[in-house]
Amino acid sequence: MFLCLVHLIHQYSDPVVTHGNWTLVFRGLGNIDKSVYDAYTHTSLGHDQPLSPMYTIGCLRLDTNLSCDHHFRSNILNKWSNQTITEVKFGIYKDGVMEKFFLFNGSSSTLLSWFSSANLIDSSWSDLTRSPIRSFSIQGYADPNSVRRMYVQKYDPGCDVDTGWFVCVDKATDWCPWGRKGPTFPRFLYSPANTSACNKDMTAAEIIAIFIKF
């Protein structure tokens, strides 16, 4: 699981990073005080095509055993709408294990639109497809006090009872205590159960990874 392979696929003349039969296009690392959303949407940022032989291998792994101080972003993201992407997997990792995932249909999608309830094929939570959904988007919610990206939320009537499945707290401050559990960001919070959970009871992950298939 932890071995990254540099591989050639037919759409590209330069190497890309693969894990099994999935191509890694983004790896977000928690608690490094660098915005996940800004890195993901930064079109002039790209670490592969070509991938330098000197690139930090710790930033390509799905654990934190080797050092890394930034988010990995593939140049494939800049070509998203022009490619035949069939599936997208969003993995949530803790201690080198994919604890939870979302699987999406990537056909006819854009850099932001694939992450939606309409495109959802499967996930780790049994109630996600049959529950009311307050938010399901990469953009999520942002104001001067709170920035919640990749926000998959059931409802948020108040901090003590806010309930959902996953959120990236992408700023050091937040309206709610559950979003301020540490001095650093981003914080990847997910429901550890097979269903949604109160945000205050969520578990913190270390890494998120976005993979695609063609």
N, C-alpha and C. Protein backbone atom coordinates (compact mmCIF):
# COMPACT_ATOMS: atom_id res chain seq x y z
N MET A 1 0.82 -1.20 0.00
CA MET A 1 0.00 0.00 0.00
C MET A 1 0.86 1.26 0.00
N PHE A 2 2.01 1.20 0.67
CA PHE A 2 2.79 2.39 0.87
C PHE A 2 3.77 2.67 -0.26
N LEU A 3 3.97 1.72 -1.14
CA LEU A 3 4.92 1.89 -2.22
C LEU A 3 4.29 2.66 -3.36
N CYS A 4 4.91 3.77 -3.72
CA CYS A 4 4.44 4.56 -4.86
C CYS A 4 5.21 4.16 -6.10
N LEU A 5 4.55 4.01 -7.19
CA LEU A 5 5.18 3.66 -8.44
C LEU A 5 5.03 4.79 -9.43
N VAL A 6 6.10 5.13 -10.11
CA VAL A 6 6.02 6.10 -11.20
C VAL A 6 5.72 5.31 -12.47
N HIS A 7 4.66 5.68 -13.16
CA HIS A 7 4.11 4.84 -14.21
C HIS A 7 3.71 5.70 -15.40
N LEU A 8 3.79 5.16 -16.61
CA LEU A 8 3.34 5.84 -17.81
C LEU A 8 1.96 5.34 -18.20
N ILE A 9 1.03 6.26 -18.43
CA ILE A 9 -0.28 5.87 -18.95
C ILE A 9 -0.47 6.55 -20.30
N HIS A 10 -1.41 6.04 -21.08
CA HIS A 10 -1.43 6.40 -22.49
C HIS A 10 -1.78 7.86 -22.76
N GLN A 11 -2.49 8.53 -21.84
CA GLN A 11 -2.84 9.92 -22.11
C GLN A 11 -1.66 10.88 -21.93
N TYR A 12 -0.59 10.41 -21.29
CA TYR A 12 0.47 11.32 -20.90
C TYR A 12 1.82 10.81 -21.36
N SER A 13 2.71 11.77 -21.67
CA SER A 13 4.06 11.41 -22.07
C SER A 13 5.02 11.44 -20.89
N ASP A 14 4.57 11.92 -19.74
CA ASP A 14 5.42 12.02 -18.57
C ASP A 14 4.90 11.11 -17.46
N PRO A 15 5.78 10.71 -16.55
CA PRO A 15 5.36 9.79 -15.49
C PRO A 15 4.32 10.38 -14.55
N VAL A 16 3.47 9.53 -14.03
CA VAL A 16 2.52 9.88 -12.99
C VAL A 16 2.70 8.91 -11.83
N VAL A 17 2.04 9.19 -10.72
CA VAL A 17 2.20 8.38 -9.52
C VAL A 17 1.00 7.46 -9.37
N THR A 18 1.24 6.18 -9.20
CA THR A 18 0.15 5.23 -9.04
C THR A 18 0.27 4.49 -7.71
N HIS A 19 -0.90 4.14 -7.18
CA HIS A 19 -1.02 3.24 -6.05
C HIS A 19 -1.95 2.12 -6.52
N GLY A 20 -1.40 0.95 -6.77
CA GLY A 20 -2.20 -0.11 -7.37
C GLY A 20 -2.65 0.31 -8.76
N ASN A 21 -3.94 0.18 -9.03
CA ASN A 21 -4.45 0.56 -10.35
C ASN A 21 -5.11 1.94 -10.34
N TRP A 22 -4.78 2.75 -9.33
CA TRP A 22 -5.28 4.10 -9.23
C TRP A 22 -4.15 5.10 -9.44
N THR A 23 -4.46 6.21 -10.09
CA THR A 23 -3.49 7.28 -10.29
C THR A 23 -3.71 8.36 -9.23
N LEU A 24 -2.67 8.68 -8.48
CA LEU A 24 -2.76 9.69 -7.44
C LEU A 24 -2.69 11.09 -8.07
N VAL A 25 -3.70 11.91 -7.79
CA VAL A 25 -3.69 13.28 -8.32
C VAL A 25 -3.62 14.34 -7.23
N PHE A 26 -3.90 13.95 -5.99
CA PHE A 26 -3.77 14.90 -4.89
C PHE A 26 -3.60 14.13 -3.58
N ARG A 27 -2.70 14.64 -2.75
CA ARG A 27 -2.51 14.12 -1.39
C ARG A 27 -2.46 15.30 -0.45
N GLY A 28 -3.42 15.36 0.46
CA GLY A 28 -3.47 16.42 1.44
C GLY A 28 -2.95 15.93 2.78
N LEU A 29 -2.13 16.73 3.41
CA LEU A 29 -1.51 16.37 4.68
C LEU A 29 -2.02 17.29 5.77
N GLY A 30 -2.43 16.71 6.87
CA GLY A 30 -2.99 17.48 7.97
C GLY A 30 -1.96 18.21 8.80
N ASN A 31 -2.42 19.30 9.42
CA ASN A 31 -1.66 20.02 10.46
C ASN A 31 -0.33 20.61 9.97
N ILE A 32 -0.30 21.10 8.74
CA ILE A 32 0.93 21.73 8.24
C ILE A 32 0.71 23.23 7.98
N ASP A 33 -0.46 23.74 8.38
CA ASP A 33 -0.78 25.17 8.25
C ASP A 33 -0.72 25.65 6.80
N LYS A 34 -1.13 24.80 5.89
CA LYS A 34 -1.23 25.16 4.47
C LYS A 34 -2.58 24.68 3.96
N SER A 35 -3.31 25.56 3.33
CA SER A 35 -4.68 25.26 2.92
C SER A 35 -4.74 24.14 1.88
N VAL A 36 -5.58 23.17 2.14
CA VAL A 36 -5.84 22.09 1.18
C VAL A 36 -6.56 22.64 -0.05
N TYR A 37 -7.56 23.45 0.17
CA TYR A 37 -8.35 23.98 -0.94
C TYR A 37 -7.50 24.85 -1.85
N ASP A 38 -6.67 25.71 -1.27
CA ASP A 38 -5.81 26.57 -2.09
C ASP A 38 -4.84 25.74 -2.92
N ALA A 39 -4.29 24.69 -2.33
CA ALA A 39 -3.37 23.83 -3.08
C ALA A 39 -4.11 23.08 -4.19
N TYR A 40 -5.28 22.54 -3.88
CA TYR A 40 -6.03 21.76 -4.85
C TYR A 40 -6.46 22.60 -6.05
N THR A 41 -6.81 23.85 -5.83
CA THR A 41 -7.33 24.71 -6.91
C THR A 41 -6.24 25.59 -7.54
N HIS A 42 -5.01 25.45 -7.09
CA HIS A 42 -3.90 26.29 -7.57
C HIS A 42 -3.39 25.75 -8.91
N THR A 43 -3.85 26.33 -10.00
CA THR A 43 -3.57 25.76 -11.32
C THR A 43 -2.12 25.90 -11.75
N SER A 44 -1.35 26.75 -11.11
CA SER A 44 0.07 26.86 -11.46
C SER A 44 0.94 25.96 -10.59
N LEU A 45 0.31 25.17 -9.72
CA LEU A 45 1.04 24.25 -8.86
C LEU A 45 0.94 22.84 -9.41
N GLY A 46 2.07 22.19 -9.60
CA GLY A 46 2.08 20.80 -10.07
C GLY A 46 3.40 20.16 -9.76
N HIS A 47 3.37 18.96 -9.21
CA HIS A 47 4.59 18.30 -8.76
C HIS A 47 5.03 17.14 -9.65
N ASP A 48 4.22 16.80 -10.66
CA ASP A 48 4.61 15.70 -11.54
C ASP A 48 4.56 16.16 -13.00
N GLN A 49 4.78 15.20 -13.89
CA GLN A 49 4.79 15.47 -15.32
C GLN A 49 5.78 16.58 -15.72
N PRO A 50 7.06 16.41 -15.47
CA PRO A 50 7.66 15.20 -14.90
C PRO A 50 7.77 15.27 -13.38
N LEU A 51 7.86 14.11 -12.76
CA LEU A 51 8.11 14.01 -11.33
C LEU A 51 9.63 13.97 -11.13
N SER A 52 10.13 14.94 -10.40
CA SER A 52 11.58 15.02 -10.22
C SER A 52 12.09 13.82 -9.42
N PRO A 53 13.25 13.26 -9.81
CA PRO A 53 13.86 12.17 -9.03
C PRO A 53 14.18 12.61 -7.60
N MET A 54 14.27 13.93 -7.39
CA MET A 54 14.59 14.45 -6.07
C MET A 54 13.34 14.81 -5.26
N TYR A 55 12.14 14.55 -5.83
CA TYR A 55 10.91 14.91 -5.12
C TYR A 55 10.80 14.13 -3.81
N THR A 56 10.23 14.77 -2.81
CA THR A 56 10.11 14.18 -1.48
C THR A 56 9.17 12.98 -1.50
N ILE A 57 9.70 11.79 -1.34
CA ILE A 57 8.88 10.57 -1.44
C ILE A 57 7.84 10.50 -0.34
N GLY A 58 8.12 11.14 0.81
CA GLY A 58 7.15 11.14 1.90
C GLY A 58 5.85 11.80 1.54
N CYS A 59 5.88 12.69 0.54
CA CYS A 59 4.67 13.40 0.11
C CYS A 59 3.83 12.59 -0.87
N LEU A 60 4.28 11.37 -1.20
CA LEU A 60 3.54 10.50 -2.10
C LEU A 60 2.99 9.27 -1.39
N ARG A 61 3.41 9.07 -0.15
CA ARG A 61 2.98 7.89 0.60
C ARG A 61 1.64 8.13 1.28
N LEU A 62 1.02 7.04 1.68
CA LEU A 62 -0.29 7.11 2.34
C LEU A 62 -0.16 6.93 3.85
N ASP A 63 1.05 7.13 4.33
CA ASP A 63 1.30 7.17 5.76
C ASP A 63 2.16 8.39 6.05
N THR A 64 2.55 8.58 7.30
CA THR A 64 3.38 9.72 7.68
C THR A 64 4.73 9.27 8.21
N ASN A 65 5.20 8.12 7.76
CA ASN A 65 6.46 7.58 8.26
C ASN A 65 7.69 8.35 7.75
N LEU A 66 7.55 9.04 6.62
CA LEU A 66 8.62 9.86 6.08
C LEU A 66 8.17 11.31 6.06
N SER A 67 9.13 12.20 6.14
CA SER A 67 8.79 13.62 6.29
C SER A 67 8.17 14.20 5.01
N CYS A 68 7.31 15.18 5.21
CA CYS A 68 6.67 15.93 4.13
C CYS A 68 6.15 17.22 4.73
N ASP A 69 6.25 18.32 3.99
CA ASP A 69 5.79 19.61 4.53
C ASP A 69 4.82 20.33 3.60
N HIS A 70 4.25 19.60 2.62
CA HIS A 70 3.32 20.25 1.70
C HIS A 70 2.33 19.23 1.14
N HIS A 71 1.33 19.74 0.43
CA HIS A 71 0.35 18.90 -0.23
C HIS A 71 0.86 18.56 -1.64
N PHE A 72 0.66 17.31 -2.06
CA PHE A 72 1.04 16.91 -3.42
C PHE A 72 -0.11 17.21 -4.37
N ARG A 73 0.22 17.84 -5.51
CA ARG A 73 -0.78 18.14 -6.54
C ARG A 73 -0.24 17.73 -7.90
N SER A 74 -0.98 16.89 -8.59
CA SER A 74 -0.60 16.45 -9.93
C SER A 74 -1.05 17.46 -10.99
N ASN A 75 -0.25 17.60 -12.02
CA ASN A 75 -0.64 18.44 -13.15
C ASN A 75 -1.84 17.89 -13.91
N ILE A 76 -2.18 16.63 -13.66
CA ILE A 76 -3.38 16.07 -14.28
C ILE A 76 -4.62 16.88 -13.92
N LEU A 77 -4.62 17.47 -12.73
CA LEU A 77 -5.77 18.26 -12.31
C LEU A 77 -6.04 19.42 -13.25
N ASN A 78 -5.01 19.93 -13.87
CA ASN A 78 -5.19 21.06 -14.80
C ASN A 78 -5.83 20.63 -16.12
N LYS A 79 -5.89 19.32 -16.36
CA LYS A 79 -6.44 18.81 -17.61
C LYS A 79 -7.72 18.01 -17.38
N TRP A 80 -8.28 18.15 -16.19
CA TRP A 80 -9.38 17.28 -15.76
C TRP A 80 -10.50 17.19 -16.79
N SER A 81 -11.00 18.31 -17.22
CA SER A 81 -12.18 18.31 -18.09
C SER A 81 -11.90 17.79 -19.48
N ASN A 82 -10.63 17.68 -19.83
CA ASN A 82 -10.26 17.21 -21.16
C ASN A 82 -9.88 15.73 -21.19
N GLN A 83 -10.03 15.05 -20.06
CA GLN A 83 -9.62 13.65 -19.97
C GLN A 83 -10.84 12.73 -19.81
N THR A 84 -10.64 11.46 -20.09
CA THR A 84 -11.71 10.47 -19.95
C THR A 84 -11.62 9.81 -18.58
N ILE A 85 -11.87 10.58 -17.55
CA ILE A 85 -11.83 10.08 -16.18
C ILE A 85 -13.14 9.34 -15.90
N THR A 86 -13.03 8.09 -15.49
CA THR A 86 -14.24 7.29 -15.26
C THR A 86 -14.64 7.22 -13.79
N GLU A 87 -13.65 7.12 -12.89
CA GLU A 87 -13.94 7.01 -11.47
C GLU A 87 -12.96 7.86 -10.66
N VAL A 88 -13.45 8.33 -9.52
CA VAL A 88 -12.62 9.09 -8.60
C VAL A 88 -12.81 8.50 -7.21
N LYS A 89 -11.69 8.26 -6.54
CA LYS A 89 -11.75 7.76 -5.16
C LYS A 89 -11.14 8.79 -4.22
N PHE A 90 -11.85 9.05 -3.13
CA PHE A 90 -11.40 9.97 -2.10
C PHE A 90 -11.14 9.13 -0.85
N GLY A 91 -9.87 8.95 -0.51
CA GLY A 91 -9.51 8.12 0.63
C GLY A 91 -9.12 8.94 1.84
N ILE A 92 -9.48 8.45 3.02
CA ILE A 92 -9.21 9.12 4.29
C ILE A 92 -8.34 8.19 5.12
N TYR A 93 -7.13 8.64 5.46
CA TYR A 93 -6.11 7.76 6.03
C TYR A 93 -5.70 8.16 7.43
N LYS A 94 -5.53 7.13 8.25
CA LYS A 94 -5.01 7.31 9.62
C LYS A 94 -4.08 6.14 9.91
N ASP A 95 -2.88 6.44 10.37
CA ASP A 95 -1.88 5.41 10.67
C ASP A 95 -1.61 4.50 9.47
N GLY A 96 -1.63 5.09 8.28
CA GLY A 96 -1.32 4.34 7.07
C GLY A 96 -2.43 3.45 6.56
N VAL A 97 -3.62 3.54 7.15
CA VAL A 97 -4.76 2.70 6.77
C VAL A 97 -5.87 3.59 6.22
N MET A 98 -6.47 3.18 5.11
CA MET A 98 -7.62 3.90 4.59
C MET A 98 -8.82 3.55 5.45
N GLU A 99 -9.17 4.47 6.35
CA GLU A 99 -10.26 4.23 7.29
C GLU A 99 -11.63 4.38 6.64
N LYS A 100 -11.75 5.35 5.75
CA LYS A 100 -13.03 5.61 5.08
C LYS A 100 -12.76 6.06 3.65
N PHE A 101 -13.80 5.98 2.81
CA PHE A 101 -13.64 6.40 1.42
C PHE A 101 -14.96 6.85 0.83
N PHE A 102 -14.86 7.63 -0.22
CA PHE A 102 -15.97 7.92 -1.14
C PHE A 102 -15.54 7.47 -2.52
N LEU A 103 -16.45 6.91 -3.29
CA LEU A 103 -16.18 6.54 -4.67
C LEU A 103 -17.19 7.27 -5.56
N PHE A 104 -16.68 7.94 -6.60
CA PHE A 104 -17.52 8.77 -7.45
C PHE A 104 -17.40 8.38 -8.93
N ASN A 105 -18.47 8.65 -9.66
CA ASN A 105 -18.44 8.61 -11.11
C ASN A 105 -17.75 9.89 -11.58
N GLY A 106 -16.67 9.73 -12.34
CA GLY A 106 -15.93 10.91 -12.80
C GLY A 106 -16.27 11.36 -14.20
N SER A 107 -17.15 10.64 -14.88
CA SER A 107 -17.48 10.97 -16.28
C SER A 107 -18.11 12.36 -16.38
N SER A 108 -17.68 13.12 -17.37
CA SER A 108 -18.25 14.45 -17.66
C SER A 108 -18.21 15.38 -16.46
N SER A 109 -17.21 15.21 -15.61
CA SER A 109 -17.09 16.04 -14.42
C SER A 109 -15.99 17.08 -14.60
N THR A 110 -15.93 18.01 -13.64
CA THR A 110 -14.88 19.02 -13.62
C THR A 110 -14.05 18.85 -12.36
N LEU A 111 -13.06 19.71 -12.21
CA LEU A 111 -12.16 19.65 -11.06
C LEU A 111 -12.90 19.74 -9.74
N LEU A 112 -14.05 20.40 -9.74
CA LEU A 112 -14.82 20.57 -8.51
C LEU A 112 -16.12 19.77 -8.49
N SER A 113 -16.73 19.54 -9.64
CA SER A 113 -18.09 18.97 -9.65
C SER A 113 -18.16 17.49 -9.33
N TRP A 114 -17.06 16.73 -9.50
CA TRP A 114 -17.11 15.28 -9.26
C TRP A 114 -17.47 14.95 -7.82
N PHE A 115 -17.11 15.83 -6.90
CA PHE A 115 -17.34 15.59 -5.48
C PHE A 115 -18.75 16.06 -5.13
N SER A 116 -19.73 15.17 -5.34
CA SER A 116 -21.13 15.53 -5.12
C SER A 116 -21.95 14.27 -4.85
N SER A 117 -23.10 14.47 -4.24
CA SER A 117 -23.99 13.34 -3.98
C SER A 117 -24.52 12.74 -5.27
N ALA A 118 -24.67 13.57 -6.31
CA ALA A 118 -25.18 13.07 -7.59
C ALA A 118 -24.21 12.10 -8.24
N ASN A 119 -22.91 12.27 -7.99
CA ASN A 119 -21.90 11.41 -8.60
C ASN A 119 -21.46 10.25 -7.70
N LEU A 120 -21.98 10.21 -6.50
CA LEU A 120 -21.54 9.19 -5.55
C LEU A 120 -21.96 7.79 -6.00
N ILE A 121 -20.99 6.88 -6.03
CA ILE A 121 -21.24 5.47 -6.35
C ILE A 121 -21.29 4.61 -5.10
N ASP A 122 -20.36 4.87 -4.18
CA ASP A 122 -20.25 4.04 -2.99
C ASP A 122 -19.49 4.84 -1.92
N SER A 123 -19.60 4.38 -0.67
CA SER A 123 -18.85 5.01 0.41
C SER A 123 -18.79 4.05 1.59
N SER A 124 -18.10 4.47 2.63
CA SER A 124 -17.97 3.65 3.84
C SER A 124 -19.16 3.77 4.77
N TRP A 125 -20.09 4.69 4.48
CA TRP A 125 -21.20 4.97 5.39
C TRP A 125 -22.53 4.50 4.79
N SER A 126 -23.22 3.67 5.53
CA SER A 126 -24.43 3.03 5.01
C SER A 126 -25.60 3.99 4.86
N ASP A 127 -25.58 5.11 5.58
CA ASP A 127 -26.74 6.01 5.55
C ASP A 127 -26.56 7.21 4.63
N LEU A 128 -25.41 7.31 3.97
CA LEU A 128 -25.12 8.52 3.21
C LEU A 128 -26.08 8.74 2.05
N THR A 129 -26.48 7.68 1.39
CA THR A 129 -27.35 7.83 0.21
C THR A 129 -28.83 7.93 0.58
N ARG A 130 -29.16 7.75 1.84
CA ARG A 130 -30.57 7.79 2.25
C ARG A 130 -30.84 8.81 3.36
N SER A 131 -29.96 9.76 3.51
CA SER A 131 -30.11 10.80 4.53
C SER A 131 -30.24 12.17 3.90
N PRO A 132 -30.87 13.10 4.60
CA PRO A 132 -30.85 14.48 4.12
C PRO A 132 -29.41 15.00 4.14
N ILE A 133 -29.07 15.82 3.17
CA ILE A 133 -27.70 16.33 3.08
C ILE A 133 -27.73 17.85 3.03
N ARG A 134 -27.07 18.44 3.97
CA ARG A 134 -26.97 19.90 4.05
C ARG A 134 -25.91 20.43 3.11
N SER A 135 -24.80 19.70 3.00
CA SER A 135 -23.70 20.13 2.15
C SER A 135 -22.96 18.92 1.61
N PHE A 136 -22.58 18.98 0.35
CA PHE A 136 -21.74 17.93 -0.25
C PHE A 136 -20.97 18.59 -1.39
N SER A 137 -19.85 19.21 -1.07
CA SER A 137 -19.08 19.89 -2.10
C SER A 137 -17.65 20.11 -1.64
N ILE A 138 -16.77 20.28 -2.61
CA ILE A 138 -15.39 20.63 -2.29
C ILE A 138 -15.31 22.05 -1.75
N GLN A 139 -16.07 22.97 -2.33
CA GLN A 139 -16.04 24.36 -1.88
C GLN A 139 -16.49 24.49 -0.44
N GLY A 140 -17.51 23.71 -0.06
CA GLY A 140 -18.01 23.71 1.31
C GLY A 140 -18.52 25.05 1.76
N TYR A 141 -18.04 25.47 2.93
CA TYR A 141 -18.53 26.70 3.57
C TYR A 141 -17.34 27.52 4.02
N ALA A 142 -17.38 28.81 3.75
CA ALA A 142 -16.28 29.67 4.16
C ALA A 142 -16.80 31.05 4.54
N ASP A 143 -16.33 31.56 5.68
CA ASP A 143 -16.55 32.94 6.08
C ASP A 143 -15.30 33.39 6.85
N PRO A 144 -15.24 34.63 7.33
CA PRO A 144 -14.02 35.08 7.99
C PRO A 144 -13.60 34.26 9.21
N ASN A 145 -14.53 33.51 9.79
CA ASN A 145 -14.22 32.78 11.02
C ASN A 145 -14.07 31.27 10.83
N SER A 146 -14.68 30.73 9.80
CA SER A 146 -14.67 29.28 9.59
C SER A 146 -14.48 28.97 8.12
N VAL A 147 -13.64 27.98 7.83
CA VAL A 147 -13.46 27.50 6.47
C VAL A 147 -13.55 25.98 6.50
N ARG A 148 -14.63 25.45 5.96
CA ARG A 148 -14.87 24.01 5.96
C ARG A 148 -14.99 23.53 4.52
N ARG A 149 -13.97 22.81 4.08
CA ARG A 149 -13.92 22.35 2.70
C ARG A 149 -14.23 20.85 2.64
N MET A 150 -14.51 20.37 1.41
CA MET A 150 -14.84 18.96 1.22
C MET A 150 -15.85 18.54 2.30
N TYR A 151 -16.86 19.37 2.39
CA TYR A 151 -17.81 19.35 3.51
C TYR A 151 -18.99 18.45 3.16
N VAL A 152 -19.07 17.31 3.83
CA VAL A 152 -20.17 16.37 3.63
C VAL A 152 -20.94 16.33 4.95
N GLN A 153 -22.01 17.11 4.99
CA GLN A 153 -22.69 17.39 6.25
C GLN A 153 -24.17 17.05 6.15
N LYS A 154 -24.67 16.41 7.18
CA LYS A 154 -26.09 16.05 7.25
C LYS A 154 -26.92 17.25 7.66
N TYR A 155 -26.59 17.85 8.78
CA TYR A 155 -27.20 19.11 9.20
C TYR A 155 -26.30 19.79 10.23
N ASP A 156 -26.51 21.11 10.38
CA ASP A 156 -25.68 21.87 11.31
C ASP A 156 -26.51 22.92 12.05
N PRO A 157 -27.40 22.46 12.93
CA PRO A 157 -28.25 23.40 13.67
C PRO A 157 -27.53 24.10 14.81
N GLY A 158 -26.40 23.55 15.24
CA GLY A 158 -25.66 24.12 16.36
C GLY A 158 -24.47 23.25 16.68
N CYS A 159 -23.42 23.84 17.23
CA CYS A 159 -22.14 23.14 17.40
C CYS A 159 -22.28 21.79 18.11
N ASP A 160 -23.09 21.73 19.14
CA ASP A 160 -23.19 20.49 19.93
C ASP A 160 -23.88 19.35 19.19
N VAL A 161 -24.67 19.69 18.19
CA VAL A 161 -25.44 18.65 17.48
C VAL A 161 -25.16 18.62 15.98
N ASP A 162 -24.21 19.42 15.50
CA ASP A 162 -23.81 19.34 14.09
C ASP A 162 -23.46 17.89 13.76
N THR A 163 -23.95 17.41 12.63
CA THR A 163 -23.80 15.98 12.30
C THR A 163 -23.44 15.82 10.82
N GLY A 164 -22.52 14.93 10.55
CA GLY A 164 -22.14 14.68 9.16
C GLY A 164 -21.22 13.50 9.01
N TRP A 165 -20.50 13.47 7.91
CA TRP A 165 -19.64 12.34 7.58
C TRP A 165 -18.17 12.73 7.46
N PHE A 166 -17.90 13.89 6.84
CA PHE A 166 -16.50 14.31 6.67
C PHE A 166 -16.44 15.82 6.51
N VAL A 167 -15.35 16.39 7.00
CA VAL A 167 -15.08 17.80 6.76
C VAL A 167 -13.57 18.05 6.87
N CYS A 168 -13.08 18.91 6.01
CA CYS A 168 -11.72 19.43 6.12
C CYS A 168 -11.82 20.83 6.71
N VAL A 169 -11.39 20.98 7.95
CA VAL A 169 -11.33 22.30 8.59
C VAL A 169 -10.05 22.96 8.08
N ASP A 170 -10.22 23.96 7.21
CA ASP A 170 -9.10 24.48 6.42
C ASP A 170 -8.61 25.85 6.92
N LYS A 171 -8.83 26.09 8.20
CA LYS A 171 -8.36 27.33 8.82
C LYS A 171 -8.15 27.05 10.31
N ALA A 172 -7.26 27.80 10.94
CA ALA A 172 -6.96 27.54 12.35
C ALA A 172 -8.14 27.86 13.26
N THR A 173 -9.00 28.79 12.84
CA THR A 173 -10.15 29.15 13.65
C THR A 173 -11.42 28.50 13.10
N ASP A 174 -12.45 28.42 13.95
CA ASP A 174 -13.75 27.88 13.53
C ASP A 174 -14.80 28.37 14.51
N TRP A 175 -16.03 28.45 14.02
CA TRP A 175 -17.13 28.86 14.90
C TRP A 175 -17.33 27.88 16.05
N CYS A 176 -17.09 26.60 15.79
CA CYS A 176 -17.44 25.56 16.77
C CYS A 176 -16.20 24.99 17.46
N PRO A 177 -16.34 24.57 18.71
CA PRO A 177 -15.22 23.93 19.41
C PRO A 177 -14.71 22.69 18.70
N TRP A 178 -15.61 21.94 18.05
CA TRP A 178 -15.15 20.72 17.37
C TRP A 178 -14.21 21.03 16.21
N GLY A 179 -14.26 22.26 15.68
CA GLY A 179 -13.37 22.66 14.62
C GLY A 179 -12.08 23.31 15.10
N ARG A 180 -11.96 23.45 16.43
CA ARG A 180 -10.79 24.10 17.01
C ARG A 180 -10.06 23.17 17.97
N LYS A 181 -9.94 21.91 17.58
CA LYS A 181 -9.35 20.93 18.49
C LYS A 181 -7.83 20.98 18.54
N GLY A 182 -7.23 21.81 17.72
CA GLY A 182 -5.78 21.95 17.73
C GLY A 182 -5.38 23.29 17.15
N PRO A 183 -4.14 23.72 17.35
CA PRO A 183 -3.70 25.03 16.88
C PRO A 183 -3.34 25.07 15.41
N THR A 184 -3.27 23.91 14.77
CA THR A 184 -2.84 23.86 13.39
C THR A 184 -3.98 23.37 12.48
N PHE A 185 -3.78 23.55 11.19
CA PHE A 185 -4.75 23.10 10.20
C PHE A 185 -3.96 22.63 8.98
N PRO A 186 -4.57 21.97 8.03
CA PRO A 186 -5.97 21.50 7.99
C PRO A 186 -6.20 20.33 8.94
N ARG A 187 -7.46 20.19 9.33
CA ARG A 187 -7.87 19.06 10.16
C ARG A 187 -8.91 18.26 9.38
N PHE A 188 -8.65 16.99 9.21
CA PHE A 188 -9.54 16.11 8.47
C PHE A 188 -10.37 15.31 9.47
N LEU A 189 -11.63 15.62 9.57
CA LEU A 189 -12.50 14.99 10.55
C LEU A 189 -13.51 14.09 9.85
N TYR A 190 -13.63 12.85 10.34
CA TYR A 190 -14.55 11.90 9.71
C TYR A 190 -15.31 11.11 10.77
N SER A 191 -16.49 10.67 10.39
CA SER A 191 -17.27 9.80 11.28
C SER A 191 -16.61 8.42 11.32
N PRO A 192 -16.24 7.94 12.51
CA PRO A 192 -15.61 6.62 12.60
C PRO A 192 -16.62 5.48 12.55
N ALA A 193 -17.89 5.82 12.62
CA ALA A 193 -18.95 4.80 12.60
C ALA A 193 -19.30 4.44 11.16
N ASN A 194 -20.25 3.55 11.00
CA ASN A 194 -20.74 3.19 9.67
C ASN A 194 -21.86 4.11 9.20
N THR A 195 -22.17 5.09 10.04
CA THR A 195 -23.18 6.08 9.72
C THR A 195 -22.62 7.46 10.07
N SER A 196 -23.42 8.48 9.88
CA SER A 196 -23.00 9.83 10.25
C SER A 196 -22.78 9.92 11.76
N ALA A 197 -22.07 10.96 12.17
CA ALA A 197 -21.78 11.16 13.59
C ALA A 197 -21.80 12.65 13.89
N CYS A 198 -21.99 12.99 15.15
CA CYS A 198 -21.85 14.38 15.55
C CYS A 198 -20.41 14.82 15.26
N ASN A 199 -20.27 16.00 14.75
CA ASN A 199 -18.93 16.48 14.43
C ASN A 199 -18.01 16.50 15.64
N LYS A 200 -18.57 16.76 16.81
CA LYS A 200 -17.74 16.80 18.01
C LYS A 200 -17.19 15.42 18.38
N ASP A 201 -17.78 14.37 17.82
CA ASP A 201 -17.33 13.00 18.10
C ASP A 201 -16.50 12.40 16.97
N MET A 202 -16.20 13.20 15.96
CA MET A 202 -15.46 12.68 14.81
C MET A 202 -13.99 12.41 15.16
N THR A 203 -13.37 11.56 14.34
CA THR A 203 -11.96 11.21 14.48
C THR A 203 -11.14 12.02 13.49
N ALA A 204 -9.93 12.38 13.89
CA ALA A 204 -9.03 13.14 13.02
C ALA A 204 -8.16 12.19 12.20
N ALA A 205 -8.15 12.38 10.89
CA ALA A 205 -7.27 11.63 9.99
C ALA A 205 -6.00 12.43 9.75
N GLU A 206 -5.01 11.77 9.17
CA GLU A 206 -3.72 12.42 8.90
C GLU A 206 -3.59 12.84 7.44
N ILE A 207 -4.20 12.06 6.56
CA ILE A 207 -4.01 12.25 5.12
C ILE A 207 -5.34 12.06 4.39
N ILE A 208 -5.55 12.86 3.36
CA ILE A 208 -6.59 12.56 2.38
C ILE A 208 -5.90 12.37 1.03
N ALA A 209 -6.44 11.50 0.21
CA ALA A 209 -5.85 11.24 -1.10
C ALA A 209 -6.95 11.13 -2.14
N ILE A 210 -6.72 11.74 -3.28
CA ILE A 210 -7.66 11.69 -4.40
C ILE A 210 -7.00 10.91 -5.53
N PHE A 211 -7.69 9.87 -5.97
CA PHE A 211 -7.20 8.99 -7.04
C PHE A 211 -8.19 9.00 -8.20
N ILE A 212 -7.70 8.74 -9.39
CA ILE A 212 -8.59 8.63 -10.55
C ILE A 212 -8.30 7.37 -11.33
N LYS A 213 -9.28 6.96 -12.11
CA LYS A 213 -9.14 5.91 -13.11
C LYS A 213 -9.59 6.46 -14.46
N PHE A 214 -8.93 5.97 -15.52
CA PHE A 214 -9.29 6.36 -16.87
C PHE A 214 -10.06 5.24 -17.56
